[in-house]
Each structure stands twice: as structure tokens, then as C-alpha cells.
N, C-alpha and C. Protein backbone atom coordinates (compact mmCIF):
# COMPACT_ATOMS: atom_id res chain seq x y z
N UNK A 1 -29.31 -2.86 15.55
CA UNK A 1 -28.17 -2.36 16.30
C UNK A 1 -27.53 -1.17 15.60
N UNK A 2 -27.23 -1.34 14.31
CA UNK A 2 -26.62 -0.24 13.57
C UNK A 2 -27.63 0.88 13.36
N UNK A 3 -28.92 0.51 13.18
CA UNK A 3 -29.95 1.51 12.93
C UNK A 3 -30.10 2.49 14.09
N UNK A 4 -29.70 2.09 15.30
CA UNK A 4 -29.81 2.97 16.46
C UNK A 4 -28.69 4.02 16.51
N UNK A 5 -27.77 3.97 15.55
CA UNK A 5 -26.66 4.91 15.53
C UNK A 5 -26.63 5.63 14.17
N UNK A 6 -27.64 6.46 13.87
CA UNK A 6 -27.76 7.03 12.53
C UNK A 6 -26.56 7.88 12.11
N UNK A 7 -26.00 8.69 13.02
CA UNK A 7 -24.88 9.54 12.61
C UNK A 7 -23.64 8.71 12.32
N UNK A 8 -23.41 7.68 13.12
CA UNK A 8 -22.28 6.79 12.91
C UNK A 8 -22.44 6.05 11.59
N UNK A 9 -23.66 5.60 11.31
CA UNK A 9 -23.94 4.90 10.07
C UNK A 9 -23.72 5.82 8.87
N UNK A 10 -24.19 7.06 8.98
CA UNK A 10 -24.04 8.02 7.88
C UNK A 10 -22.56 8.27 7.60
N UNK A 11 -21.77 8.51 8.66
CA UNK A 11 -20.33 8.74 8.48
C UNK A 11 -19.66 7.54 7.84
N UNK A 12 -20.02 6.36 8.32
CA UNK A 12 -19.38 5.16 7.79
C UNK A 12 -19.80 4.92 6.34
N UNK A 13 -21.08 5.17 6.02
CA UNK A 13 -21.55 4.97 4.64
C UNK A 13 -20.79 5.86 3.68
N UNK A 14 -20.56 7.11 4.09
CA UNK A 14 -19.79 8.02 3.24
C UNK A 14 -18.35 7.54 3.10
N UNK A 15 -17.78 7.05 4.20
CA UNK A 15 -16.39 6.60 4.17
C UNK A 15 -16.22 5.35 3.32
N UNK A 16 -17.27 4.56 3.26
CA UNK A 16 -17.16 3.28 2.55
C UNK A 16 -17.23 3.44 1.04
N UNK A 17 -17.58 4.64 0.57
CA UNK A 17 -17.64 4.85 -0.87
C UNK A 17 -16.22 4.89 -1.40
N UNK A 18 -15.89 3.90 -2.21
CA UNK A 18 -14.54 3.80 -2.73
C UNK A 18 -14.47 4.39 -4.13
N UNK A 19 -13.41 5.10 -4.38
CA UNK A 19 -13.17 5.60 -5.71
C UNK A 19 -11.98 4.83 -6.26
N UNK A 20 -12.25 3.95 -7.18
CA UNK A 20 -11.18 3.14 -7.75
C UNK A 20 -10.66 3.81 -9.01
N UNK A 21 -9.38 3.85 -9.17
CA UNK A 21 -8.78 4.42 -10.36
C UNK A 21 -8.10 3.30 -11.13
N UNK A 22 -7.55 3.62 -12.28
CA UNK A 22 -6.80 2.63 -13.03
C UNK A 22 -5.59 2.21 -12.20
N UNK A 23 -5.25 0.93 -12.24
CA UNK A 23 -4.11 0.49 -11.42
C UNK A 23 -2.79 1.00 -11.97
N UNK A 24 -1.86 1.24 -11.07
CA UNK A 24 -0.49 1.51 -11.48
C UNK A 24 0.17 0.18 -11.78
N UNK A 25 0.96 0.12 -12.83
CA UNK A 25 1.61 -1.13 -13.22
C UNK A 25 3.11 -0.88 -13.36
N UNK A 26 3.89 -1.73 -12.71
CA UNK A 26 5.35 -1.64 -12.80
C UNK A 26 5.87 -3.03 -13.18
N UNK A 27 6.77 -3.08 -14.16
CA UNK A 27 7.38 -4.35 -14.58
C UNK A 27 8.88 -4.28 -14.34
N UNK A 28 9.41 -5.38 -13.78
CA UNK A 28 10.84 -5.49 -13.49
C UNK A 28 11.40 -6.77 -14.13
N UNK A 29 12.71 -6.80 -14.33
CA UNK A 29 13.37 -8.05 -14.67
C UNK A 29 13.44 -8.88 -13.40
N UNK A 30 13.90 -10.12 -13.51
CA UNK A 30 14.03 -10.99 -12.34
C UNK A 30 15.05 -10.46 -11.34
N UNK A 31 15.93 -9.54 -11.80
CA UNK A 31 16.94 -8.95 -10.92
C UNK A 31 16.51 -7.61 -10.34
N UNK A 32 15.28 -7.21 -10.63
CA UNK A 32 14.77 -5.95 -10.08
C UNK A 32 15.07 -4.72 -10.91
N UNK A 33 15.49 -4.89 -12.16
CA UNK A 33 15.73 -3.75 -13.03
C UNK A 33 14.40 -3.28 -13.61
N UNK A 34 14.13 -1.99 -13.51
CA UNK A 34 12.86 -1.43 -13.98
C UNK A 34 12.76 -1.51 -15.50
N UNK A 35 11.65 -2.06 -15.99
CA UNK A 35 11.41 -2.16 -17.43
C UNK A 35 10.30 -1.23 -17.90
N UNK A 36 9.25 -1.10 -17.06
CA UNK A 36 8.09 -0.34 -17.48
C UNK A 36 7.34 0.19 -16.27
N UNK A 37 6.76 1.38 -16.44
CA UNK A 37 5.98 1.98 -15.37
C UNK A 37 4.95 2.89 -16.02
N UNK A 38 3.66 2.66 -15.77
CA UNK A 38 2.66 3.53 -16.38
C UNK A 38 2.48 4.81 -15.57
N UNK A 39 1.72 5.74 -16.13
CA UNK A 39 1.55 7.07 -15.50
C UNK A 39 0.95 6.96 -14.10
N UNK A 40 -0.05 6.06 -13.94
CA UNK A 40 -0.68 5.89 -12.63
C UNK A 40 0.33 5.42 -11.58
N UNK A 41 1.22 4.53 -11.99
CA UNK A 41 2.24 4.03 -11.06
C UNK A 41 3.20 5.15 -10.66
N UNK A 42 3.56 5.99 -11.60
CA UNK A 42 4.46 7.13 -11.30
C UNK A 42 3.80 8.04 -10.26
N UNK A 43 2.51 8.35 -10.47
CA UNK A 43 1.80 9.23 -9.54
C UNK A 43 1.69 8.61 -8.14
N UNK A 44 1.35 7.32 -8.08
CA UNK A 44 1.22 6.66 -6.78
C UNK A 44 2.56 6.56 -6.07
N UNK A 45 3.62 6.26 -6.82
CA UNK A 45 4.96 6.18 -6.20
C UNK A 45 5.38 7.55 -5.66
N UNK A 46 5.07 8.61 -6.40
CA UNK A 46 5.36 9.97 -5.92
C UNK A 46 4.62 10.24 -4.61
N UNK A 47 3.33 9.84 -4.54
CA UNK A 47 2.54 10.04 -3.32
C UNK A 47 3.11 9.23 -2.15
N UNK A 48 3.53 8.00 -2.44
CA UNK A 48 4.08 7.15 -1.39
C UNK A 48 5.39 7.73 -0.85
N UNK A 49 6.24 8.22 -1.75
CA UNK A 49 7.49 8.86 -1.30
C UNK A 49 7.20 10.13 -0.50
N UNK A 50 6.23 10.91 -0.98
CA UNK A 50 5.85 12.13 -0.27
C UNK A 50 5.38 11.81 1.14
N UNK A 51 4.58 10.76 1.27
CA UNK A 51 4.04 10.37 2.57
C UNK A 51 5.12 9.84 3.50
N UNK A 52 6.03 9.03 2.96
CA UNK A 52 7.05 8.39 3.81
C UNK A 52 8.28 9.27 4.02
N UNK A 53 8.72 9.96 2.96
CA UNK A 53 9.97 10.73 3.04
C UNK A 53 9.75 12.22 3.25
N UNK A 54 8.49 12.66 3.05
CA UNK A 54 8.20 14.08 3.20
C UNK A 54 8.48 14.88 1.94
N UNK A 55 8.91 14.19 0.88
CA UNK A 55 9.17 14.88 -0.38
C UNK A 55 9.10 13.88 -1.53
N UNK A 56 8.83 14.41 -2.72
CA UNK A 56 8.83 13.57 -3.91
C UNK A 56 10.26 13.46 -4.39
N UNK A 57 10.73 12.25 -4.58
CA UNK A 57 12.09 12.02 -5.05
C UNK A 57 12.00 11.37 -6.42
N UNK A 58 12.27 12.12 -7.46
CA UNK A 58 12.14 11.61 -8.83
C UNK A 58 13.17 10.50 -9.07
N UNK A 59 12.71 9.45 -9.73
CA UNK A 59 13.60 8.36 -10.09
C UNK A 59 13.88 7.37 -8.97
N UNK A 60 13.22 7.56 -7.82
CA UNK A 60 13.41 6.64 -6.69
C UNK A 60 12.08 5.95 -6.39
N UNK A 61 12.09 4.63 -6.45
CA UNK A 61 10.87 3.88 -6.15
C UNK A 61 10.72 3.74 -4.63
N UNK A 62 9.49 3.76 -4.12
CA UNK A 62 9.26 3.64 -2.68
C UNK A 62 9.79 2.32 -2.12
N UNK A 63 10.17 2.34 -0.86
CA UNK A 63 10.68 1.14 -0.19
C UNK A 63 9.69 -0.01 -0.27
N UNK A 64 8.38 0.28 -0.14
CA UNK A 64 7.36 -0.77 -0.17
C UNK A 64 7.37 -1.51 -1.50
N UNK A 65 7.56 -0.77 -2.59
CA UNK A 65 7.59 -1.37 -3.93
C UNK A 65 8.84 -2.25 -4.08
N UNK A 66 9.99 -1.71 -3.68
CA UNK A 66 11.24 -2.46 -3.84
C UNK A 66 11.29 -3.68 -2.93
N UNK A 67 10.72 -3.57 -1.74
CA UNK A 67 10.67 -4.71 -0.83
C UNK A 67 9.82 -5.83 -1.42
N UNK A 68 8.67 -5.47 -1.99
CA UNK A 68 7.80 -6.45 -2.62
C UNK A 68 8.52 -7.11 -3.81
N UNK A 69 9.23 -6.31 -4.59
CA UNK A 69 9.98 -6.83 -5.73
C UNK A 69 11.04 -7.83 -5.28
N UNK A 70 11.76 -7.52 -4.21
CA UNK A 70 12.80 -8.44 -3.69
C UNK A 70 12.17 -9.75 -3.19
N UNK A 71 11.02 -9.65 -2.52
CA UNK A 71 10.34 -10.86 -2.04
C UNK A 71 9.94 -11.77 -3.19
N UNK A 72 9.43 -11.17 -4.26
CA UNK A 72 9.02 -11.98 -5.41
C UNK A 72 10.24 -12.56 -6.11
N UNK A 73 11.31 -11.78 -6.21
CA UNK A 73 12.54 -12.29 -6.82
C UNK A 73 13.06 -13.50 -6.05
N UNK A 74 12.95 -13.46 -4.73
CA UNK A 74 13.35 -14.60 -3.91
C UNK A 74 12.49 -15.82 -4.18
N UNK A 75 11.19 -15.60 -4.39
CA UNK A 75 10.29 -16.70 -4.70
C UNK A 75 10.58 -17.31 -6.07
N UNK A 76 11.09 -16.49 -6.99
CA UNK A 76 11.40 -16.99 -8.33
C UNK A 76 12.42 -18.12 -8.29
N UNK A 77 13.28 -18.10 -7.28
CA UNK A 77 14.29 -19.16 -7.15
C UNK A 77 13.65 -20.47 -6.71
N UNK A 78 12.51 -20.37 -6.01
CA UNK A 78 11.83 -21.57 -5.51
C UNK A 78 10.72 -22.05 -6.44
N UNK A 79 9.97 -21.10 -7.00
CA UNK A 79 8.80 -21.44 -7.83
C UNK A 79 9.14 -21.11 -9.27
N UNK A 80 9.25 -22.11 -10.11
CA UNK A 80 9.68 -21.86 -11.49
C UNK A 80 8.59 -22.09 -12.53
N UNK A 81 7.64 -22.97 -12.27
CA UNK A 81 6.60 -23.28 -13.26
C UNK A 81 5.52 -22.22 -13.31
N UNK A 82 5.04 -21.92 -14.54
CA UNK A 82 3.98 -20.92 -14.71
C UNK A 82 2.72 -21.32 -13.94
N UNK A 83 2.40 -22.60 -13.94
CA UNK A 83 1.21 -23.09 -13.24
C UNK A 83 1.31 -22.81 -11.74
N UNK A 84 2.54 -22.93 -11.20
CA UNK A 84 2.74 -22.70 -9.77
C UNK A 84 2.50 -21.24 -9.36
N UNK A 85 2.59 -20.33 -10.33
CA UNK A 85 2.42 -18.91 -10.01
C UNK A 85 0.96 -18.46 -10.08
N UNK A 86 0.06 -19.33 -10.53
CA UNK A 86 -1.33 -18.92 -10.68
C UNK A 86 -1.93 -18.38 -9.38
N UNK A 87 -1.60 -18.98 -8.25
CA UNK A 87 -2.15 -18.52 -6.97
C UNK A 87 -1.09 -17.91 -6.07
N UNK A 88 0.05 -17.55 -6.63
CA UNK A 88 1.14 -16.96 -5.85
C UNK A 88 1.16 -15.45 -6.06
N UNK A 89 0.50 -14.73 -5.21
CA UNK A 89 0.53 -13.28 -5.25
C UNK A 89 0.94 -12.80 -3.87
N UNK A 90 1.73 -11.76 -3.82
CA UNK A 90 2.08 -11.16 -2.53
C UNK A 90 1.38 -9.81 -2.48
N UNK A 91 0.72 -9.56 -1.37
CA UNK A 91 -0.01 -8.30 -1.22
C UNK A 91 0.49 -7.56 0.01
N UNK A 92 0.41 -6.24 -0.08
CA UNK A 92 0.66 -5.43 1.10
C UNK A 92 -0.13 -4.13 0.95
N UNK A 93 -0.31 -3.44 2.04
CA UNK A 93 -1.06 -2.19 2.04
C UNK A 93 -0.16 -1.08 2.57
N UNK A 94 -0.12 0.01 1.85
CA UNK A 94 0.65 1.19 2.27
C UNK A 94 -0.36 2.27 2.65
N UNK A 95 -0.24 2.77 3.87
CA UNK A 95 -1.18 3.78 4.34
C UNK A 95 -0.60 5.17 4.10
N UNK A 96 -1.33 5.97 3.33
CA UNK A 96 -0.95 7.36 3.08
C UNK A 96 -1.79 8.26 3.97
N UNK A 97 -1.61 9.57 3.86
CA UNK A 97 -2.34 10.48 4.74
C UNK A 97 -3.84 10.46 4.47
N UNK A 98 -4.23 10.35 3.21
CA UNK A 98 -5.66 10.44 2.89
C UNK A 98 -6.26 9.17 2.32
N UNK A 99 -5.45 8.18 2.04
CA UNK A 99 -5.99 6.95 1.48
C UNK A 99 -5.02 5.79 1.66
N UNK A 100 -5.39 4.66 1.12
CA UNK A 100 -4.56 3.46 1.17
C UNK A 100 -4.14 3.09 -0.24
N UNK A 101 -2.98 2.46 -0.34
CA UNK A 101 -2.55 1.91 -1.62
C UNK A 101 -2.34 0.42 -1.42
N UNK A 102 -3.04 -0.38 -2.21
CA UNK A 102 -2.87 -1.83 -2.18
C UNK A 102 -1.83 -2.19 -3.22
N UNK A 103 -0.79 -2.91 -2.80
CA UNK A 103 0.24 -3.39 -3.71
C UNK A 103 0.07 -4.89 -3.90
N UNK A 104 0.04 -5.34 -5.15
CA UNK A 104 -0.06 -6.76 -5.45
C UNK A 104 1.08 -7.12 -6.39
N UNK A 105 1.86 -8.11 -6.00
CA UNK A 105 3.00 -8.51 -6.81
C UNK A 105 2.96 -9.97 -7.19
N UNK A 106 3.43 -10.27 -8.39
CA UNK A 106 3.52 -11.66 -8.84
C UNK A 106 4.60 -11.74 -9.91
N UNK A 107 4.95 -12.96 -10.30
CA UNK A 107 5.97 -13.16 -11.31
C UNK A 107 5.39 -13.87 -12.52
N UNK A 108 6.00 -13.60 -13.67
CA UNK A 108 5.69 -14.33 -14.90
C UNK A 108 6.97 -15.06 -15.28
N UNK A 109 7.00 -16.38 -15.09
CA UNK A 109 8.22 -17.13 -15.41
C UNK A 109 8.57 -17.02 -16.89
N UNK A 110 9.85 -17.04 -17.17
CA UNK A 110 10.31 -16.98 -18.56
C UNK A 110 10.20 -18.34 -19.24
N UNK A 111 10.08 -18.34 -20.56
CA UNK A 111 9.94 -19.60 -21.29
C UNK A 111 11.20 -20.45 -21.27
N UNK A 112 12.34 -19.81 -21.06
CA UNK A 112 13.61 -20.54 -21.12
C UNK A 112 14.27 -20.65 -19.75
N UNK A 113 13.77 -19.94 -18.77
CA UNK A 113 14.37 -19.99 -17.44
C UNK A 113 14.22 -18.67 -16.72
N UNK A 114 14.85 -18.59 -15.57
CA UNK A 114 14.69 -17.42 -14.70
C UNK A 114 15.18 -16.12 -15.33
N UNK A 115 16.16 -16.21 -16.25
CA UNK A 115 16.70 -15.00 -16.88
C UNK A 115 15.66 -14.22 -17.68
N UNK A 116 14.61 -14.90 -18.11
CA UNK A 116 13.57 -14.24 -18.90
C UNK A 116 12.30 -13.99 -18.09
N UNK A 117 12.35 -14.23 -16.79
CA UNK A 117 11.18 -14.01 -15.94
C UNK A 117 10.95 -12.52 -15.73
N UNK A 118 9.71 -12.17 -15.46
CA UNK A 118 9.34 -10.78 -15.19
C UNK A 118 8.58 -10.69 -13.88
N UNK A 119 8.79 -9.60 -13.18
CA UNK A 119 8.08 -9.32 -11.92
C UNK A 119 7.11 -8.17 -12.20
N UNK A 120 5.86 -8.38 -11.84
CA UNK A 120 4.83 -7.35 -12.06
C UNK A 120 4.29 -6.90 -10.70
N UNK A 121 4.24 -5.61 -10.51
CA UNK A 121 3.63 -5.04 -9.30
C UNK A 121 2.52 -4.09 -9.74
N UNK A 122 1.33 -4.32 -9.17
CA UNK A 122 0.19 -3.46 -9.46
C UNK A 122 -0.15 -2.67 -8.20
N UNK A 123 -0.45 -1.40 -8.37
CA UNK A 123 -0.79 -0.52 -7.27
C UNK A 123 -2.21 0.00 -7.47
N UNK A 124 -3.05 -0.17 -6.47
CA UNK A 124 -4.43 0.30 -6.52
C UNK A 124 -4.67 1.29 -5.39
N UNK A 125 -5.22 2.44 -5.75
CA UNK A 125 -5.57 3.44 -4.74
C UNK A 125 -6.97 3.14 -4.22
N UNK A 126 -7.11 3.16 -2.91
CA UNK A 126 -8.43 3.03 -2.29
C UNK A 126 -8.68 4.33 -1.55
N UNK A 127 -9.61 5.12 -2.05
CA UNK A 127 -9.83 6.46 -1.52
C UNK A 127 -11.13 6.50 -0.73
N UNK A 128 -11.07 7.08 0.44
CA UNK A 128 -12.26 7.29 1.26
C UNK A 128 -12.63 8.76 1.20
N UNK A 129 -13.92 9.03 1.06
CA UNK A 129 -14.36 10.42 1.05
C UNK A 129 -14.39 11.01 2.46
N UNK A 130 -14.66 10.21 3.45
CA UNK A 130 -14.66 10.67 4.84
C UNK A 130 -13.88 9.67 5.67
N UNK A 131 -12.80 10.09 6.34
CA UNK A 131 -12.05 9.13 7.14
C UNK A 131 -12.85 8.62 8.34
N UNK A 132 -12.70 7.34 8.64
CA UNK A 132 -13.34 6.74 9.81
C UNK A 132 -12.26 6.03 10.61
N UNK A 133 -12.14 6.33 11.91
CA UNK A 133 -11.15 5.61 12.71
C UNK A 133 -11.44 4.12 12.69
N UNK A 134 -10.39 3.32 12.62
CA UNK A 134 -10.55 1.87 12.52
C UNK A 134 -11.33 1.31 13.71
N UNK A 135 -11.10 1.84 14.89
CA UNK A 135 -11.82 1.37 16.08
C UNK A 135 -13.32 1.61 15.91
N UNK A 136 -13.68 2.73 15.29
CA UNK A 136 -15.09 3.05 15.06
C UNK A 136 -15.69 2.05 14.06
N UNK A 137 -14.94 1.70 13.02
CA UNK A 137 -15.42 0.71 12.05
C UNK A 137 -15.57 -0.65 12.71
N UNK A 138 -14.61 -1.03 13.54
CA UNK A 138 -14.71 -2.31 14.26
C UNK A 138 -15.96 -2.33 15.14
N UNK A 139 -16.21 -1.21 15.81
CA UNK A 139 -17.37 -1.12 16.70
C UNK A 139 -18.67 -1.17 15.90
N UNK A 140 -18.69 -0.48 14.76
CA UNK A 140 -19.88 -0.43 13.93
C UNK A 140 -20.30 -1.83 13.49
N UNK A 141 -19.33 -2.66 13.15
CA UNK A 141 -19.65 -4.01 12.67
C UNK A 141 -19.57 -5.06 13.79
N UNK A 142 -19.39 -4.61 15.01
CA UNK A 142 -19.36 -5.51 16.18
C UNK A 142 -18.36 -6.65 15.98
N UNK A 143 -17.14 -6.29 15.60
CA UNK A 143 -16.13 -7.32 15.34
C UNK A 143 -15.50 -7.80 16.64
N UNK A 144 -15.34 -9.10 16.73
CA UNK A 144 -14.68 -9.69 17.91
C UNK A 144 -13.19 -9.37 17.84
N UNK A 145 -12.52 -9.61 18.95
CA UNK A 145 -11.07 -9.38 18.99
C UNK A 145 -10.37 -10.25 17.95
N UNK A 146 -10.84 -11.48 17.77
CA UNK A 146 -10.22 -12.37 16.79
C UNK A 146 -10.42 -11.85 15.37
N UNK A 147 -11.63 -11.37 15.06
CA UNK A 147 -11.90 -10.81 13.73
C UNK A 147 -11.05 -9.57 13.48
N UNK A 148 -10.88 -8.74 14.51
CA UNK A 148 -10.03 -7.56 14.37
C UNK A 148 -8.59 -7.97 14.07
N UNK A 149 -8.12 -9.02 14.73
CA UNK A 149 -6.75 -9.51 14.49
C UNK A 149 -6.60 -10.02 13.06
N UNK A 150 -7.65 -10.68 12.54
CA UNK A 150 -7.62 -11.16 11.16
C UNK A 150 -7.53 -9.99 10.19
N UNK A 151 -8.34 -8.94 10.43
CA UNK A 151 -8.33 -7.76 9.56
C UNK A 151 -6.96 -7.09 9.59
N UNK A 152 -6.38 -6.94 10.77
CA UNK A 152 -5.06 -6.31 10.86
C UNK A 152 -4.00 -7.12 10.12
N UNK A 153 -4.09 -8.44 10.20
CA UNK A 153 -3.15 -9.31 9.48
C UNK A 153 -3.36 -9.20 7.98
N UNK A 154 -4.62 -9.14 7.55
CA UNK A 154 -4.91 -8.97 6.12
C UNK A 154 -4.30 -7.67 5.60
N UNK A 155 -4.39 -6.61 6.41
CA UNK A 155 -3.88 -5.31 5.98
C UNK A 155 -2.37 -5.31 5.83
N UNK A 156 -1.70 -6.29 6.45
CA UNK A 156 -0.25 -6.41 6.31
C UNK A 156 0.14 -7.31 5.16
N UNK A 157 -0.88 -7.76 4.40
CA UNK A 157 -0.62 -8.56 3.22
C UNK A 157 -0.34 -10.03 3.49
N UNK A 158 -0.68 -10.50 4.69
CA UNK A 158 -0.42 -11.91 5.03
C UNK A 158 -1.40 -12.83 4.31
N UNK A 159 -0.93 -14.02 3.98
CA UNK A 159 -1.79 -15.03 3.38
C UNK A 159 -2.61 -15.70 4.48
N UNK A 160 -3.62 -16.49 4.09
CA UNK A 160 -4.43 -17.22 5.08
C UNK A 160 -3.54 -18.11 5.95
N UNK A 161 -2.58 -18.77 5.32
CA UNK A 161 -1.68 -19.68 6.05
C UNK A 161 -0.87 -18.90 7.09
N UNK A 162 -0.35 -17.73 6.68
CA UNK A 162 0.46 -16.91 7.60
C UNK A 162 -0.38 -16.37 8.74
N UNK A 163 -1.64 -15.98 8.44
CA UNK A 163 -2.54 -15.50 9.48
C UNK A 163 -2.82 -16.62 10.48
N UNK A 164 -3.07 -17.81 9.95
CA UNK A 164 -3.34 -18.96 10.82
C UNK A 164 -2.16 -19.22 11.76
N UNK A 165 -0.95 -19.17 11.22
CA UNK A 165 0.24 -19.39 12.05
C UNK A 165 0.38 -18.30 13.10
N UNK A 166 0.15 -17.06 12.70
CA UNK A 166 0.29 -15.94 13.64
C UNK A 166 -0.71 -16.03 14.78
N UNK A 167 -1.96 -16.40 14.45
CA UNK A 167 -3.03 -16.40 15.46
C UNK A 167 -3.21 -17.75 16.15
N UNK A 168 -2.49 -18.76 15.68
CA UNK A 168 -2.59 -20.07 16.31
C UNK A 168 -3.92 -20.76 16.04
N UNK A 169 -4.45 -20.55 14.83
CA UNK A 169 -5.71 -21.19 14.45
C UNK A 169 -5.49 -21.90 13.11
N UNK A 170 -6.50 -22.65 12.66
CA UNK A 170 -6.34 -23.36 11.39
C UNK A 170 -6.60 -22.42 10.22
N UNK A 171 -6.09 -22.81 9.06
CA UNK A 171 -6.31 -22.03 7.85
C UNK A 171 -7.81 -21.98 7.50
N UNK A 172 -8.52 -23.06 7.75
CA UNK A 172 -9.95 -23.11 7.50
C UNK A 172 -10.70 -22.10 8.38
N UNK A 173 -10.25 -21.97 9.63
CA UNK A 173 -10.88 -20.99 10.53
C UNK A 173 -10.65 -19.57 10.03
N UNK A 174 -9.45 -19.31 9.49
CA UNK A 174 -9.16 -17.99 8.91
C UNK A 174 -10.12 -17.72 7.75
N UNK A 175 -10.29 -18.70 6.86
CA UNK A 175 -11.21 -18.54 5.72
C UNK A 175 -12.62 -18.24 6.20
N UNK A 176 -13.06 -18.93 7.25
CA UNK A 176 -14.40 -18.70 7.79
C UNK A 176 -14.54 -17.29 8.35
N UNK A 177 -13.49 -16.82 9.06
CA UNK A 177 -13.50 -15.44 9.58
C UNK A 177 -13.63 -14.45 8.43
N UNK A 178 -12.85 -14.65 7.37
CA UNK A 178 -12.87 -13.72 6.24
C UNK A 178 -14.23 -13.74 5.55
N UNK A 179 -14.81 -14.91 5.37
CA UNK A 179 -16.14 -15.00 4.76
C UNK A 179 -17.19 -14.29 5.61
N UNK A 180 -17.10 -14.47 6.93
CA UNK A 180 -18.04 -13.79 7.84
C UNK A 180 -17.86 -12.27 7.75
N UNK A 181 -16.60 -11.84 7.71
CA UNK A 181 -16.32 -10.40 7.62
C UNK A 181 -16.87 -9.82 6.32
N UNK A 182 -16.73 -10.56 5.23
CA UNK A 182 -17.26 -10.08 3.94
C UNK A 182 -18.78 -9.98 3.97
N UNK A 183 -19.43 -10.94 4.62
CA UNK A 183 -20.89 -10.87 4.74
C UNK A 183 -21.29 -9.65 5.58
N UNK A 184 -20.60 -9.44 6.71
CA UNK A 184 -20.94 -8.31 7.59
C UNK A 184 -20.75 -6.98 6.89
N UNK A 185 -19.68 -6.87 6.09
CA UNK A 185 -19.35 -5.59 5.45
C UNK A 185 -19.93 -5.47 4.05
N UNK A 186 -20.65 -6.53 3.62
CA UNK A 186 -21.27 -6.53 2.28
C UNK A 186 -20.22 -6.28 1.19
N UNK A 187 -19.09 -6.97 1.33
CA UNK A 187 -18.04 -6.90 0.32
C UNK A 187 -17.81 -8.29 -0.24
N UNK A 188 -17.12 -8.36 -1.37
CA UNK A 188 -16.92 -9.65 -2.03
C UNK A 188 -15.45 -10.04 -2.14
N UNK A 189 -14.57 -9.10 -1.90
CA UNK A 189 -13.14 -9.38 -2.04
C UNK A 189 -12.39 -8.92 -0.80
N UNK A 190 -11.18 -9.43 -0.65
CA UNK A 190 -10.33 -9.00 0.46
C UNK A 190 -10.00 -7.52 0.33
N UNK A 191 -9.78 -7.05 -0.91
CA UNK A 191 -9.49 -5.64 -1.15
C UNK A 191 -10.66 -4.76 -0.73
N UNK A 192 -11.87 -5.18 -1.12
CA UNK A 192 -13.07 -4.42 -0.74
C UNK A 192 -13.25 -4.38 0.77
N UNK A 193 -12.96 -5.51 1.41
CA UNK A 193 -13.07 -5.60 2.87
C UNK A 193 -12.12 -4.62 3.54
N UNK A 194 -10.87 -4.61 3.08
CA UNK A 194 -9.88 -3.68 3.66
C UNK A 194 -10.26 -2.23 3.37
N UNK A 195 -10.72 -1.98 2.16
CA UNK A 195 -11.13 -0.62 1.82
C UNK A 195 -12.27 -0.14 2.70
N UNK A 196 -13.18 -1.05 3.04
CA UNK A 196 -14.33 -0.71 3.87
C UNK A 196 -13.91 -0.42 5.30
N UNK A 197 -12.96 -1.19 5.83
CA UNK A 197 -12.62 -1.08 7.25
C UNK A 197 -11.40 -0.23 7.56
N UNK A 198 -10.49 -0.09 6.62
CA UNK A 198 -9.22 0.56 6.96
C UNK A 198 -9.03 1.92 6.32
N UNK A 199 -10.12 2.60 6.00
CA UNK A 199 -9.99 3.92 5.41
C UNK A 199 -9.90 4.97 6.50
N UNK A 200 -8.74 5.00 7.15
CA UNK A 200 -8.53 5.98 8.22
C UNK A 200 -7.29 6.81 7.94
């Protein structure tokens, strides 16, 4: 099926080549006070502000970063044990003009309580060499309407449980959809899957 569309396959193959850079890392206190930001994070935040605000605003973190930080700070009030944070990550995707930025946030609980907790946000750039419209990628992989809905939900950073609630299906069905999508796209992670399909 795909072999009968050589030009489409060539365009998609070029688009699927991801260039991964070092992640941007930002550390906050539990109250959202900035503690640390590496060079990559500064550059990505500048690009995000440029894309959303039309200009680089020095010293101002993008809304997407601050929103993620607030969400994690809220979770810190509910989840206090270090063990409980092992699988608690919040993800979201920010679409820029030429690429995507994946934001992943989590907390490191403090040894004495919430006052010593830290919030970590990592930013990863996913760069496509040739943009491919998402509808074209969906068509290339023959994705059903349900699979497309799962991909769109993943791109919004929703967990399997949240996707299941949104689509009215079980969490197990969501996992099966994601596994099928990874097999179809020859990817191994949710990030790779999004990078393959959402580079538009």
C-alpha cells in the first residue's frame, strides 16, 4: 500500500528524520521560583516566546512552561512520597513554526517536606527536515478515526487514563492503540510516535 506512493513515502521518510538535541532543563522551588536553567532551556524558551508572542522577551518564561510548573506544584500537595512520583510525569507539546517542543515535568519531593521539594521541567526539541501535514501522515499510515483521536490526545500531553475518559474507552484499549501505532510507525516511545506523526 505504501509502496504504491513513492513520492509520499519519500517526503514522509525525510520528515521522519528527527534531530534530537540536548534537553533544556529548568528547576523551580515548590512555589515556582526559578532556581536553574541551562543554555538549551534558555534558547527553547526564547523560541517559544517568539512563536507565541511574536518577540523574544528576556526574563519571561513561556506560558506553557509556567502552566506545567503550576500543575506540578498542585500535585505536590497531593503526592508527597518519592516513590509516588516515579510514574508521575506531566507532558505537553508546544508547536512552533518549524518544529515541536516536548515538555516533561515532574517533582522531586524534599527530604523534610514540601518546602524542600523541587520541580523539574525538561524541554526536548523535535525537528523535522521536511514538514508533512498531519492529515497526510494519518493517510500514509492508514490510521482509523479512533487512532487519530488517540494521537491528538497524546499530543496534548494527556495520560492513558485521561485519553480513555475523553474517548469513552478503557485504559487497556488506549494502551493497545498506542502499541499498534508504535508498530505501524516503527517507533518505541510516545515521544518518537509524536515526532513521527506531528511534524507539521
